[in-house]
Amino acid sequence: MGKGEIAVDFFDLHCDTVSECVKAEKSLYRNDLHLDLKRGTEYHKWVQTFAFWMPDTLDEEAQYALFQKELAAFRGFETDGDILIPYRGRAPMHKCSYLLAVEGAGLLGGRLDRLKELKQAGVSFLTLTWNGENRIAGGAGSNGTLTAFGAEVVREAERQGIVIDVSHLNRKSFWQVCNVARRPFIATHSNADKICPHPRNLSGEQVKEIISRGGLIGLNLYPAFLSSEEDCKSSDFLRQIEYFLDAGAAECLAIGTDFDGAAMPKWINGIEGIEILALSVVKWFGETIANQIFYGNAVRFCERVLFAAHETGCESY
């Protein structure tokens, strides 16, 4: 093992680092944020989903302009060496194999054709709302419902091969999406409210629904979603895993850190702290479960759902 090398494979379903880099005018290669390429590429294999966050405070066209700005910045980061590589099922050693996501679909501005544009830009996951209500659905902080246009968005996203992300939806909108969706969907950064009651966490019924559909759930490291305290302990994270395993989610559980989109526990300084967390999971649940949660389940979901949509289209699923 080389100096600085971390003998762990890591697949993260959600971070807001690109948005934060653009806002703070920082480099993605090296920075003082939760994540940068220099630290991340110390992992054996690393797949990172970079989300473009669309704040509720911006109107639809301002969100669309922000997405274009952040996408252009990301393309600029891509030219800085050969570290950033689009993830297509193979993750070279000590590189950043990436997927792209949009967090908050208000940027569509009532236009379904923008979904094709997102697909062409390389977007794989689409979170329908943030915490508020938009033209599509209601977030966890609102009473909104899935609209007629929102139902069209779900259908068209599936046709385009974009996976719907149900994180941030309120309960009513979640179940309405279930009535429309025909392909497995994902909750990229959501925990279980049975362990930590919070409107952003998933109910037991939602967890069962995602499992039954062959979906994927990414555990969020934000302390408020792990415990009722200002900070949390590693045992709070382990309790979440125990709950999901008991619920039958051994093959549907992954990691969605929320790096640079939320405060992190004091024992997680940033991406380098994932190694310690992974070793703790190995200790309590075994190496097989740890490998599934930190890497394998997300890889298999992409092979089965995301890349299958690229090759065959959703109608054949």
C-alpha atoms as a PDB file:
ATOM      1  CA  MET A   1       0.000   0.000   0.000  1.00  0.00           C
ATOM      2  CA  GLY A   2       1.406   3.377  -1.004  1.00  0.00           C
ATOM      3  CA  LYS A   3       1.804   6.351   1.277  1.00  0.00           C
ATOM      4  CA  GLY A   4      -1.551   7.996   1.935  1.00  0.00           C
ATOM      5  CA  GLU A   5      -3.461   5.172   0.238  1.00  0.00           C
ATOM      6  CA  ILE A   6      -6.760   4.125   1.843  1.00  0.00           C
ATOM      7  CA  ALA A   7      -7.598   0.457   1.294  1.00  0.00           C
ATOM      8  CA  VAL A   8     -11.355   1.081   1.084  1.00  0.00           C
ATOM      9  CA  ASP A   9     -13.719   1.354  -1.881  1.00  0.00           C
ATOM     10  CA  PHE A  10     -16.220   4.184  -1.529  1.00  0.00           C
ATOM     11  CA  PHE A  11     -19.364   5.124  -3.500  1.00  0.00           C
ATOM     12  CA  ASP A  12     -21.068   8.323  -2.295  1.00  0.00           C
ATOM     13  CA  LEU A  13     -24.552   9.051  -3.631  1.00  0.00           C
ATOM     14  CA  HIS A  14     -24.669  12.733  -2.669  1.00  0.00           C
ATOM     15  CA  CYS A  15     -22.485  15.740  -1.984  1.00  0.00           C
ATOM     16  CA  ASP A  16     -22.925  19.477  -2.611  1.00  0.00           C
ATOM     17  CA  THR A  17     -19.221  20.194  -3.032  1.00  0.00           C
ATOM     18  CA  VAL A  18     -19.361  21.620  -6.559  1.00  0.00           C
ATOM     19  CA  SER A  19     -22.066  24.090  -5.540  1.00  0.00           C
ATOM     20  CA  GLU A  20     -19.994  25.101  -2.521  1.00  0.00           C
ATOM     21  CA  CYS A  21     -16.812  25.433  -4.610  1.00  0.00           C
ATOM     22  CA  VAL A  22     -18.600  27.745  -7.041  1.00  0.00           C
ATOM     23  CA  LYS A  23     -20.124  29.846  -4.253  1.00  0.00           C
ATOM     24  CA  ALA A  24     -16.869  30.139  -2.294  1.00  0.00           C
ATOM     25  CA  GLU A  25     -14.610  30.293  -5.375  1.00  0.00           C
ATOM     26  CA  LYS A  26     -12.606  27.276  -4.272  1.00  0.00           C
ATOM     27  CA  SER A  27     -10.832  24.558  -6.216  1.00  0.00           C
ATOM     28  CA  LEU A  28     -12.322  21.074  -6.411  1.00  0.00           C
ATOM     29  CA  TYR A  29      -8.824  19.595  -6.544  1.00  0.00           C
ATOM     30  CA  ARG A  30      -7.690  20.978  -3.173  1.00  0.00           C
ATOM     31  CA  ASN A  31      -9.766  22.912  -0.647  1.00  0.00           C
ATOM     32  CA  ASP A  32     -10.722  23.129   3.031  1.00  0.00           C
ATOM     33  CA  LEU A  33     -14.240  21.734   2.473  1.00  0.00           C
ATOM     34  CA  HIS A  34     -15.524  18.274   3.362  1.00  0.00           C
ATOM     35  CA  LEU A  35     -14.320  16.844   0.083  1.00  0.00           C
ATOM     36  CA  ASP A  36     -11.660  17.454  -2.521  1.00  0.00           C
ATOM     37  CA  LEU A  37     -10.098  15.342  -5.253  1.00  0.00           C
ATOM     38  CA  LYS A  38      -6.701  15.081  -3.598  1.00  0.00           C
ATOM     39  CA  ARG A  39      -8.104  13.448  -0.471  1.00  0.00           C
ATOM     40  CA  GLY A  40     -10.767  11.402  -2.231  1.00  0.00           C
ATOM     41  CA  THR A  41      -8.412   9.743  -4.690  1.00  0.00           C
ATOM     42  CA  GLU A  42      -6.520   8.165  -1.808  1.00  0.00           C
ATOM     43  CA  TYR A  43      -9.296   5.557  -1.738  1.00  0.00           C
ATOM     44  CA  HIS A  44      -8.792   2.425  -3.814  1.00  0.00           C
ATOM     45  CA  LYS A  45     -11.922   2.977  -5.891  1.00  0.00           C
ATOM     46  CA  TRP A  46     -14.010   6.109  -5.485  1.00  0.00           C
ATOM     47  CA  VAL A  47     -17.313   6.930  -7.166  1.00  0.00           C
ATOM     48  CA  GLN A  48     -18.721  10.333  -6.251  1.00  0.00           C
ATOM     49  CA  THR A  49     -22.103  11.800  -7.110  1.00  0.00           C
ATOM     50  CA  PHE A  50     -21.832  15.585  -7.399  1.00  0.00           C
ATOM     51  CA  ALA A  51     -25.200  17.288  -6.941  1.00  0.00           C
ATOM     52  CA  PHE A  52     -26.039  20.752  -8.253  1.00  0.00           C
ATOM     53  CA  TRP A  53     -28.175  22.262  -5.480  1.00  0.00           C
ATOM     54  CA  MET A  54     -31.043  24.550  -6.522  1.00  0.00           C
ATOM     55  CA  PRO A  55     -32.112  26.712  -3.510  1.00  0.00           C
ATOM     56  CA  ASP A  56     -35.806  27.338  -2.905  1.00  0.00           C
ATOM     57  CA  THR A  57     -35.032  31.039  -2.578  1.00  0.00           C
ATOM     58  CA  LEU A  58     -34.297  31.300  -6.313  1.00  0.00           C
ATOM     59  CA  ASP A  59     -37.002  31.445  -8.953  1.00  0.00           C
ATOM     60  CA  GLU A  60     -37.073  28.821 -11.698  1.00  0.00           C
ATOM     61  CA  GLU A  61     -35.034  30.703 -14.285  1.00  0.00           C
ATOM     62  CA  ALA A  62     -32.476  31.752 -11.688  1.00  0.00           C
ATOM     63  CA  GLN A  63     -32.125  28.077 -10.739  1.00  0.00           C
ATOM     64  CA  TYR A  64     -31.636  27.168 -14.386  1.00  0.00           C
ATOM     65  CA  ALA A  65     -28.939  29.826 -14.751  1.00  0.00           C
ATOM     66  CA  LEU A  66     -27.240  28.581 -11.574  1.00  0.00           C
ATOM     67  CA  PHE A  67     -27.218  25.027 -12.915  1.00  0.00           C
ATOM     68  CA  GLN A  68     -25.553  26.187 -16.117  1.00  0.00           C
ATOM     69  CA  LYS A  69     -22.967  28.126 -14.126  1.00  0.00           C
ATOM     70  CA  GLU A  70     -22.158  25.186 -11.851  1.00  0.00           C
ATOM     71  CA  LEU A  71     -22.046  22.739 -14.759  1.00  0.00           C
ATOM     72  CA  ALA A  72     -19.606  25.007 -16.601  1.00  0.00           C
ATOM     73  CA  ALA A  73     -17.459  25.193 -13.460  1.00  0.00           C
ATOM     74  CA  PHE A  74     -17.476  21.405 -13.176  1.00  0.00           C
ATOM     75  CA  ARG A  75     -16.390  21.057 -16.805  1.00  0.00           C
ATOM     76  CA  GLY A  76     -13.536  23.375 -15.940  1.00  0.00           C
ATOM     77  CA  PHE A  77     -12.527  21.122 -13.060  1.00  0.00           C
ATOM     78  CA  GLU A  78     -12.546  18.171 -15.495  1.00  0.00           C
ATOM     79  CA  THR A  79      -9.736  19.754 -17.506  1.00  0.00           C
ATOM     80  CA  ASP A  80      -7.455  19.840 -14.459  1.00  0.00           C
ATOM     81  CA  GLY A  81      -5.543  16.629 -15.125  1.00  0.00           C
ATOM     82  CA  ASP A  82      -7.123  13.223 -15.711  1.00  0.00           C
ATOM     83  CA  ILE A  83      -8.579  12.698 -12.242  1.00  0.00           C
ATOM     84  CA  LEU A  84     -12.302  13.166 -13.022  1.00  0.00           C
ATOM     85  CA  ILE A  85     -13.733  10.337 -15.108  1.00  0.00           C
ATOM     86  CA  PRO A  86     -17.453   9.738 -15.883  1.00  0.00           C
ATOM     87  CA  TYR A  87     -18.654   6.609 -14.126  1.00  0.00           C
ATOM     88  CA  ARG A  88     -19.955   4.012 -16.548  1.00  0.00           C
ATOM     89  CA  GLY A  89     -19.612   0.902 -14.407  1.00  0.00           C
ATOM     90  CA  ARG A  90     -15.831   0.852 -14.113  1.00  0.00           C
ATOM     91  CA  ALA A  91     -13.910   2.776 -11.449  1.00  0.00           C
ATOM     92  CA  PRO A  92     -10.134   3.007 -12.059  1.00  0.00           C
ATOM     93  CA  MET A  93      -7.911   2.972  -9.005  1.00  0.00           C
ATOM     94  CA  HIS A  94      -7.195   6.327  -7.335  1.00  0.00           C
ATOM     95  CA  LYS A  95      -9.356   8.369  -9.690  1.00  0.00           C
ATOM     96  CA  CYS A  96     -12.666  10.137  -9.125  1.00  0.00           C
ATOM     97  CA  SER A  97     -15.303   8.302 -11.133  1.00  0.00           C
ATOM     98  CA  TYR A  98     -18.277  10.636 -11.043  1.00  0.00           C
ATOM     99  CA  LEU A  99     -22.019  10.835 -11.524  1.00  0.00           C
ATOM    100  CA  LEU A 100     -24.001  14.077 -11.675  1.00  0.00           C
ATOM    101  CA  ALA A 101     -27.285  14.953  -9.987  1.00  0.00           C
ATOM    102  CA  VAL A 102     -29.650  17.898  -9.672  1.00  0.00           C
ATOM    103  CA  GLU A 103     -31.124  18.621  -6.240  1.00  0.00           C
ATOM    104  CA  GLY A 104     -34.351  20.535  -6.833  1.00  0.00           C
ATOM    105  CA  ALA A 105     -36.123  20.235 -10.173  1.00  0.00           C
ATOM    106  CA  GLY A 106     -37.605  23.724 -10.164  1.00  0.00           C
ATOM    107  CA  LEU A 107     -34.975  24.610 -12.763  1.00  0.00           C
ATOM    108  CA  LEU A 108     -37.137  22.817 -15.352  1.00  0.00           C
ATOM    109  CA  GLY A 109     -39.357  25.893 -15.367  1.00  0.00           C
ATOM    110  CA  GLY A 110     -42.387  23.956 -16.541  1.00  0.00           C
ATOM    111  CA  ARG A 111     -40.481  22.593 -19.577  1.00  0.00           C
ATOM    112  CA  LEU A 112     -40.171  18.842 -20.073  1.00  0.00           C
ATOM    113  CA  ASP A 113     -37.614  19.360 -22.839  1.00  0.00           C
ATOM    114  CA  ARG A 114     -35.102  20.476 -20.228  1.00  0.00           C
ATOM    115  CA  LEU A 115     -34.994  16.893 -18.961  1.00  0.00           C
ATOM    116  CA  LYS A 116     -33.391  15.879 -22.245  1.00  0.00           C
ATOM    117  CA  GLU A 117     -30.912  18.709 -21.757  1.00  0.00           C
ATOM    118  CA  LEU A 118     -30.098  17.439 -18.259  1.00  0.00           C
ATOM    119  CA  LYS A 119     -29.585  13.955 -19.648  1.00  0.00           C
ATOM    120  CA  GLN A 120     -27.275  15.251 -22.358  1.00  0.00           C
ATOM    121  CA  ALA A 121     -25.323  17.125 -19.671  1.00  0.00           C
ATOM    122  CA  GLY A 122     -24.750  13.822 -17.889  1.00  0.00           C
ATOM    123  CA  VAL A 123     -27.286  14.098 -15.057  1.00  0.00           C
ATOM    124  CA  SER A 124     -28.161  10.664 -13.639  1.00  0.00           C
ATOM    125  CA  PHE A 125     -30.259  11.496 -10.531  1.00  0.00           C
ATOM    126  CA  LEU A 126     -32.991  14.120 -10.140  1.00  0.00           C
ATOM    127  CA  THR A 127     -34.260  15.183  -6.704  1.00  0.00           C
ATOM    128  CA  LEU A 128     -37.741  16.542  -7.407  1.00  0.00           C
ATOM    129  CA  THR A 129     -37.762  19.200  -4.679  1.00  0.00           C
ATOM    130  CA  TRP A 130     -35.649  20.660  -1.958  1.00  0.00           C
ATOM    131  CA  ASN A 131     -37.470  21.359   1.327  1.00  0.00           C
ATOM    132  CA  GLY A 132     -40.077  23.702  -0.104  1.00  0.00           C
ATOM    133  CA  GLU A 133     -42.817  23.396  -2.693  1.00  0.00           C
ATOM    134  CA  ASN A 134     -42.239  23.871  -6.410  1.00  0.00           C
ATOM    135  CA  ARG A 135     -44.150  23.363  -9.650  1.00  0.00           C
ATOM    136  CA  ILE A 136     -43.506  19.614  -9.374  1.00  0.00           C
ATOM    137  CA  ALA A 137     -44.157  18.452  -5.804  1.00  0.00           C
ATOM    138  CA  GLY A 138     -43.929  19.272  -2.119  1.00  0.00           C
ATOM    139  CA  GLY A 139     -40.747  19.052  -0.085  1.00  0.00           C
ATOM    140  CA  ALA A 140     -40.417  17.941   3.533  1.00  0.00           C
ATOM    141  CA  GLY A 141     -41.012  21.482   4.785  1.00  0.00           C
ATOM    142  CA  SER A 142     -44.233  22.011   2.843  1.00  0.00           C
ATOM    143  CA  ASN A 143     -47.736  20.620   2.370  1.00  0.00           C
ATOM    144  CA  GLY A 144     -47.463  20.518  -1.411  1.00  0.00           C
ATOM    145  CA  THR A 145     -48.457  17.543  -3.529  1.00  0.00           C
ATOM    146  CA  LEU A 146     -47.282  15.998  -6.786  1.00  0.00           C
ATOM    147  CA  THR A 147     -48.777  18.120  -9.558  1.00  0.00           C
ATOM    148  CA  ALA A 148     -49.959  17.035 -12.995  1.00  0.00           C
ATOM    149  CA  PHE A 149     -46.757  18.502 -14.399  1.00  0.00           C
ATOM    150  CA  GLY A 150     -44.807  16.673 -11.696  1.00  0.00           C
ATOM    151  CA  ALA A 151     -46.280  13.360 -12.826  1.00  0.00           C
ATOM    152  CA  GLU A 152     -45.169  14.188 -16.374  1.00  0.00           C
ATOM    153  CA  VAL A 153     -41.683  14.953 -15.059  1.00  0.00           C
ATOM    154  CA  VAL A 154     -41.465  11.539 -13.387  1.00  0.00           C
ATOM    155  CA  ARG A 155     -42.558   9.768 -16.571  1.00  0.00           C
ATOM    156  CA  GLU A 156     -40.277  11.776 -18.857  1.00  0.00           C
ATOM    157  CA  ALA A 157     -37.288  11.453 -16.538  1.00  0.00           C
ATOM    158  CA  GLU A 158     -37.732   7.689 -16.642  1.00  0.00           C
ATOM    159  CA  ARG A 159     -37.932   7.812 -20.434  1.00  0.00           C
ATOM    160  CA  GLN A 160     -34.708   9.794 -20.517  1.00  0.00           C
ATOM    161  CA  GLY A 161     -32.986   7.310 -18.206  1.00  0.00           C
ATOM    162  CA  ILE A 162     -32.751   9.730 -15.266  1.00  0.00           C
ATOM    163  CA  VAL A 163     -33.367   8.090 -11.890  1.00  0.00           C
ATOM    164  CA  ILE A 164     -35.858   9.867  -9.618  1.00  0.00           C
ATOM    165  CA  ASP A 165     -34.500  10.799  -6.187  1.00  0.00           C
ATOM    166  CA  VAL A 166     -37.220  10.935  -3.505  1.00  0.00           C
ATOM    167  CA  SER A 167     -35.041  12.526  -0.817  1.00  0.00           C
ATOM    168  CA  HIS A 168     -36.604  15.782   0.418  1.00  0.00           C
ATOM    169  CA  LEU A 169     -40.167  14.852  -0.622  1.00  0.00           C
ATOM    170  CA  ASN A 170     -42.932  15.060   1.961  1.00  0.00           C
ATOM    171  CA  ARG A 171     -44.910  11.905   2.663  1.00  0.00           C
ATOM    172  CA  LYS A 172     -47.858  12.783   0.439  1.00  0.00           C
ATOM    173  CA  SER A 173     -45.699  13.571  -2.581  1.00  0.00           C
ATOM    174  CA  PHE A 174     -43.650  10.403  -2.020  1.00  0.00           C
ATOM    175  CA  TRP A 175     -46.686   8.147  -2.255  1.00  0.00           C
ATOM    176  CA  GLN A 176     -48.015  10.043  -5.246  1.00  0.00           C
ATOM    177  CA  VAL A 177     -44.678   9.482  -7.001  1.00  0.00           C
ATOM    178  CA  CYS A 178     -45.071   5.782  -6.210  1.00  0.00           C
ATOM    179  CA  ASN A 179     -48.361   5.797  -8.134  1.00  0.00           C
ATOM    180  CA  VAL A 180     -46.613   7.172 -11.210  1.00  0.00           C
ATOM    181  CA  ALA A 181     -43.101   5.691 -11.198  1.00  0.00           C
ATOM    182  CA  ARG A 182     -42.498   2.492 -13.135  1.00  0.00           C
ATOM    183  CA  ARG A 183     -38.762   2.128 -12.502  1.00  0.00           C
ATOM    184  CA  PRO A 184     -36.843   1.741  -9.233  1.00  0.00           C
ATOM    185  CA  PHE A 185     -36.024   5.053  -7.604  1.00  0.00           C
ATOM    186  CA  ILE A 186     -33.501   6.230  -5.067  1.00  0.00           C
ATOM    187  CA  ALA A 187     -33.324   8.171  -1.807  1.00  0.00           C
ATOM    188  CA  THR A 188     -29.765   9.428  -2.124  1.00  0.00           C
ATOM    189  CA  HIS A 189     -29.382  10.978   1.340  1.00  0.00           C
ATOM    190  CA  SER A 190     -32.130   9.995   3.789  1.00  0.00           C
ATOM    191  CA  ASN A 191     -32.228   8.031   7.051  1.00  0.00           C
ATOM    192  CA  ALA A 192     -34.915   6.193   9.059  1.00  0.00           C
ATOM    193  CA  ASP A 193     -37.286   8.206  11.217  1.00  0.00           C
ATOM    194  CA  LYS A 194     -37.856   5.159  13.446  1.00  0.00           C
ATOM    195  CA  ILE A 195     -34.346   5.759  14.811  1.00  0.00           C
ATOM    196  CA  CYS A 196     -34.301   9.563  14.526  1.00  0.00           C
ATOM    197  CA  PRO A 197     -37.684  11.293  14.048  1.00  0.00           C
ATOM    198  CA  HIS A 198     -37.286  14.048  11.457  1.00  0.00           C
ATOM    199  CA  PRO A 199     -39.459  15.117   8.496  1.00  0.00           C
ATOM    200  CA  ARG A 200     -36.523  14.463   6.165  1.00  0.00           C
ATOM    201  CA  ASN A 201     -36.151  10.857   7.263  1.00  0.00           C
ATOM    202  CA  LEU A 202     -38.051   7.906   5.817  1.00  0.00           C
ATOM    203  CA  SER A 203     -40.923   6.143   7.529  1.00  0.00           C
ATOM    204  CA  GLY A 204     -40.918   2.375   7.888  1.00  0.00           C
ATOM    205  CA  GLU A 205     -43.547   2.135   5.149  1.00  0.00           C
ATOM    206  CA  GLN A 206     -41.424   4.212   2.783  1.00  0.00           C
ATOM    207  CA  VAL A 207     -38.393   2.039   3.493  1.00  0.00           C
ATOM    208  CA  LYS A 208     -40.408  -1.099   2.676  1.00  0.00           C
ATOM    209  CA  GLU A 209     -41.683   0.485  -0.534  1.00  0.00           C
ATOM    210  CA  ILE A 210     -38.195   1.394  -1.756  1.00  0.00           C
ATOM    211  CA  ILE A 211     -36.944  -2.105  -0.942  1.00  0.00           C
ATOM    212  CA  SER A 212     -39.874  -3.759  -2.732  1.00  0.00           C
ATOM    213  CA  ARG A 213     -39.149  -1.723  -5.866  1.00  0.00           C
ATOM    214  CA  GLY A 214     -35.458  -2.612  -5.913  1.00  0.00           C
ATOM    215  CA  GLY A 215     -34.464   0.946  -5.056  1.00  0.00           C
ATOM    216  CA  LEU A 216     -31.537   2.317  -3.092  1.00  0.00           C
ATOM    217  CA  ILE A 217     -31.206   4.332   0.141  1.00  0.00           C
ATOM    218  CA  GLY A 218     -28.121   6.399   0.942  1.00  0.00           C
ATOM    219  CA  LEU A 219     -27.428   6.982   4.635  1.00  0.00           C
ATOM    220  CA  ASN A 220     -26.959  10.679   5.445  1.00  0.00           C
ATOM    221  CA  LEU A 221     -24.244  11.776   7.913  1.00  0.00           C
ATOM    222  CA  TYR A 222     -25.970  15.005   8.997  1.00  0.00           C
ATOM    223  CA  PRO A 223     -26.221  14.800  12.840  1.00  0.00           C
ATOM    224  CA  ALA A 224     -29.815  16.090  12.907  1.00  0.00           C
ATOM    225  CA  PHE A 225     -30.854  13.049  10.841  1.00  0.00           C
ATOM    226  CA  LEU A 226     -28.905  10.640  13.066  1.00  0.00           C
ATOM    227  CA  SER A 227     -29.792  11.806  16.574  1.00  0.00           C
ATOM    228  CA  SER A 228     -31.833  14.407  18.406  1.00  0.00           C
ATOM    229  CA  GLU A 229     -28.664  16.077  19.683  1.00  0.00           C
ATOM    230  CA  GLU A 230     -26.559  18.833  18.133  1.00  0.00           C
ATOM    231  CA  ASP A 231     -23.875  16.272  17.414  1.00  0.00           C
ATOM    232  CA  CYS A 232     -24.059  12.495  17.191  1.00  0.00           C
ATOM    233  CA  LYS A 233     -21.996   9.414  17.931  1.00  0.00           C
ATOM    234  CA  SER A 234     -20.848   6.684  15.591  1.00  0.00           C
ATOM    235  CA  SER A 235     -23.280   4.431  17.466  1.00  0.00           C
ATOM    236  CA  ASP A 236     -26.166   6.541  16.082  1.00  0.00           C
ATOM    237  CA  PHE A 237     -24.989   5.705  12.567  1.00  0.00           C
ATOM    238  CA  LEU A 238     -24.645   2.027  13.459  1.00  0.00           C
ATOM    239  CA  ARG A 239     -28.190   2.026  14.851  1.00  0.00           C
ATOM    240  CA  GLN A 240     -29.439   3.261  11.493  1.00  0.00           C
ATOM    241  CA  ILE A 241     -27.666   0.397   9.750  1.00  0.00           C
ATOM    242  CA  GLU A 242     -29.070  -2.121  12.224  1.00  0.00           C
ATOM    243  CA  TYR A 243     -32.599  -0.841  11.599  1.00  0.00           C
ATOM    244  CA  PHE A 244     -32.272  -1.057   7.819  1.00  0.00           C
ATOM    245  CA  LEU A 245     -30.738  -4.524   7.954  1.00  0.00           C
ATOM    246  CA  ASP A 246     -33.591  -5.729  10.161  1.00  0.00           C
ATOM    247  CA  ALA A 247     -35.998  -4.207   7.603  1.00  0.00           C
ATOM    248  CA  GLY A 248     -34.463  -6.320   4.839  1.00  0.00           C
ATOM    249  CA  ALA A 249     -32.416  -3.576   3.170  1.00  0.00           C
ATOM    250  CA  ALA A 250     -29.048  -5.378   3.093  1.00  0.00           C
ATOM    251  CA  GLU A 251     -28.935  -5.070  -0.702  1.00  0.00           C
ATOM    252  CA  CYS A 252     -30.585  -1.623  -0.853  1.00  0.00           C
ATOM    253  CA  LEU A 253     -28.428   0.347   1.576  1.00  0.00           C
ATOM    254  CA  ALA A 254     -25.626   2.727   0.584  1.00  0.00           C
ATOM    255  CA  ILE A 255     -24.028   6.026   1.644  1.00  0.00           C
ATOM    256  CA  GLY A 256     -25.137   9.557   0.726  1.00  0.00           C
ATOM    257  CA  THR A 257     -22.919  11.693   2.924  1.00  0.00           C
ATOM    258  CA  ASP A 258     -24.332  15.167   2.175  1.00  0.00           C
ATOM    259  CA  PHE A 259     -20.762  16.498   2.312  1.00  0.00           C
ATOM    260  CA  ASP A 260     -20.670  20.289   1.941  1.00  0.00           C
ATOM    261  CA  GLY A 261     -24.461  20.411   2.064  1.00  0.00           C
ATOM    262  CA  ALA A 262     -24.808  19.924   5.807  1.00  0.00           C
ATOM    263  CA  ALA A 263     -22.810  19.961   9.019  1.00  0.00           C
ATOM    264  CA  MET A 264     -20.941  16.747   9.706  1.00  0.00           C
ATOM    265  CA  PRO A 265     -20.374  14.865  12.981  1.00  0.00           C
ATOM    266  CA  LYS A 266     -17.251  15.987  14.832  1.00  0.00           C
ATOM    267  CA  TRP A 267     -15.706  12.562  14.283  1.00  0.00           C
ATOM    268  CA  ILE A 268     -16.046  12.932  10.508  1.00  0.00           C
ATOM    269  CA  ASN A 269     -13.682  15.704   9.368  1.00  0.00           C
ATOM    270  CA  GLY A 270     -14.449  15.048   5.729  1.00  0.00           C
ATOM    271  CA  ILE A 271     -14.036  12.363   3.144  1.00  0.00           C
ATOM    272  CA  GLU A 272     -10.917  11.018   4.849  1.00  0.00           C
ATOM    273  CA  GLY A 273     -13.089  10.087   7.849  1.00  0.00           C
ATOM    274  CA  ILE A 274     -15.081   7.565   5.830  1.00  0.00           C
ATOM    275  CA  GLU A 275     -12.297   5.018   6.338  1.00  0.00           C
ATOM    276  CA  ILE A 276     -12.817   5.091  10.113  1.00  0.00           C
ATOM    277  CA  LEU A 277     -16.575   4.790   9.656  1.00  0.00           C
ATOM    278  CA  ALA A 278     -16.194   1.851   7.284  1.00  0.00           C
ATOM    279  CA  LEU A 279     -13.886   0.026   9.691  1.00  0.00           C
ATOM    280  CA  SER A 280     -16.446   0.539  12.464  1.00  0.00           C
ATOM    281  CA  VAL A 281     -19.138  -1.036  10.281  1.00  0.00           C
ATOM    282  CA  VAL A 282     -16.803  -3.960   9.537  1.00  0.00           C
ATOM    283  CA  LYS A 283     -16.324  -4.467  13.270  1.00  0.00           C
ATOM    284  CA  TRP A 284     -20.043  -4.554  14.066  1.00  0.00           C
ATOM    285  CA  PHE A 285     -21.627  -6.047  10.948  1.00  0.00           C
ATOM    286  CA  GLY A 286     -18.810  -7.795   9.108  1.00  0.00           C
ATOM    287  CA  GLU A 287     -16.798  -7.125   5.981  1.00  0.00           C
ATOM    288  CA  THR A 288     -19.450  -8.340   3.530  1.00  0.00           C
ATOM    289  CA  ILE A 289     -22.126  -5.941   4.805  1.00  0.00           C
ATOM    290  CA  ALA A 290     -19.639  -3.063   4.980  1.00  0.00           C
ATOM    291  CA  ASN A 291     -18.548  -3.627   1.383  1.00  0.00           C
ATOM    292  CA  GLN A 292     -22.170  -3.712   0.258  1.00  0.00           C
ATOM    293  CA  ILE A 293     -23.063  -0.473   2.030  1.00  0.00           C
ATOM    294  CA  PHE A 294     -19.973   1.545   1.162  1.00  0.00           C
ATOM    295  CA  TYR A 295     -19.637   0.404  -2.448  1.00  0.00           C
ATOM    296  CA  GLY A 296     -21.227  -2.732  -3.835  1.00  0.00           C
ATOM    297  CA  ASN A 297     -24.943  -1.990  -3.533  1.00  0.00           C
ATOM    298  CA  ALA A 298     -24.623   1.340  -5.356  1.00  0.00           C
ATOM    299  CA  VAL A 299     -22.543  -0.282  -8.098  1.00  0.00           C
ATOM    300  CA  ARG A 300     -25.140  -2.990  -8.630  1.00  0.00           C
ATOM    301  CA  PHE A 301     -28.019  -0.487  -8.618  1.00  0.00           C
ATOM    302  CA  CYS A 302     -26.306   1.521 -11.355  1.00  0.00           C
ATOM    303  CA  GLU A 303     -25.694  -1.612 -13.421  1.00  0.00           C
ATOM    304  CA  ARG A 304     -29.266  -2.828 -13.012  1.00  0.00           C
ATOM    305  CA  VAL A 305     -31.180   0.452 -13.243  1.00  0.00           C
ATOM    306  CA  LEU A 306     -29.138   3.431 -14.419  1.00  0.00           C
ATOM    307  CA  PHE A 307     -27.049   1.800 -17.132  1.00  0.00           C
ATOM    308  CA  ALA A 308     -29.871  -0.524 -18.183  1.00  0.00           C
ATOM    309  CA  ALA A 309     -31.932   2.590 -18.914  1.00  0.00           C
ATOM    310  CA  HIS A 310     -29.127   3.890 -21.152  1.00  0.00           C
ATOM    311  CA  GLU A 311     -29.044   0.665 -23.158  1.00  0.00           C
ATOM    312  CA  THR A 312     -32.644  -0.471 -23.443  1.00  0.00           C
ATOM    313  CA  GLY A 313     -34.966   2.341 -22.394  1.00  0.00           C
ATOM    314  CA  CYS A 314     -37.366   2.199 -19.482  1.00  0.00           C
ATOM    315  CA  GLU A 315     -40.190   0.512 -21.353  1.00  0.00           C
ATOM    316  CA  SER A 316     -38.312  -2.820 -21.418  1.00  0.00           C
ATOM    317  CA  TYR A 317     -37.606  -2.888 -17.684  1.00  0.00           C
END
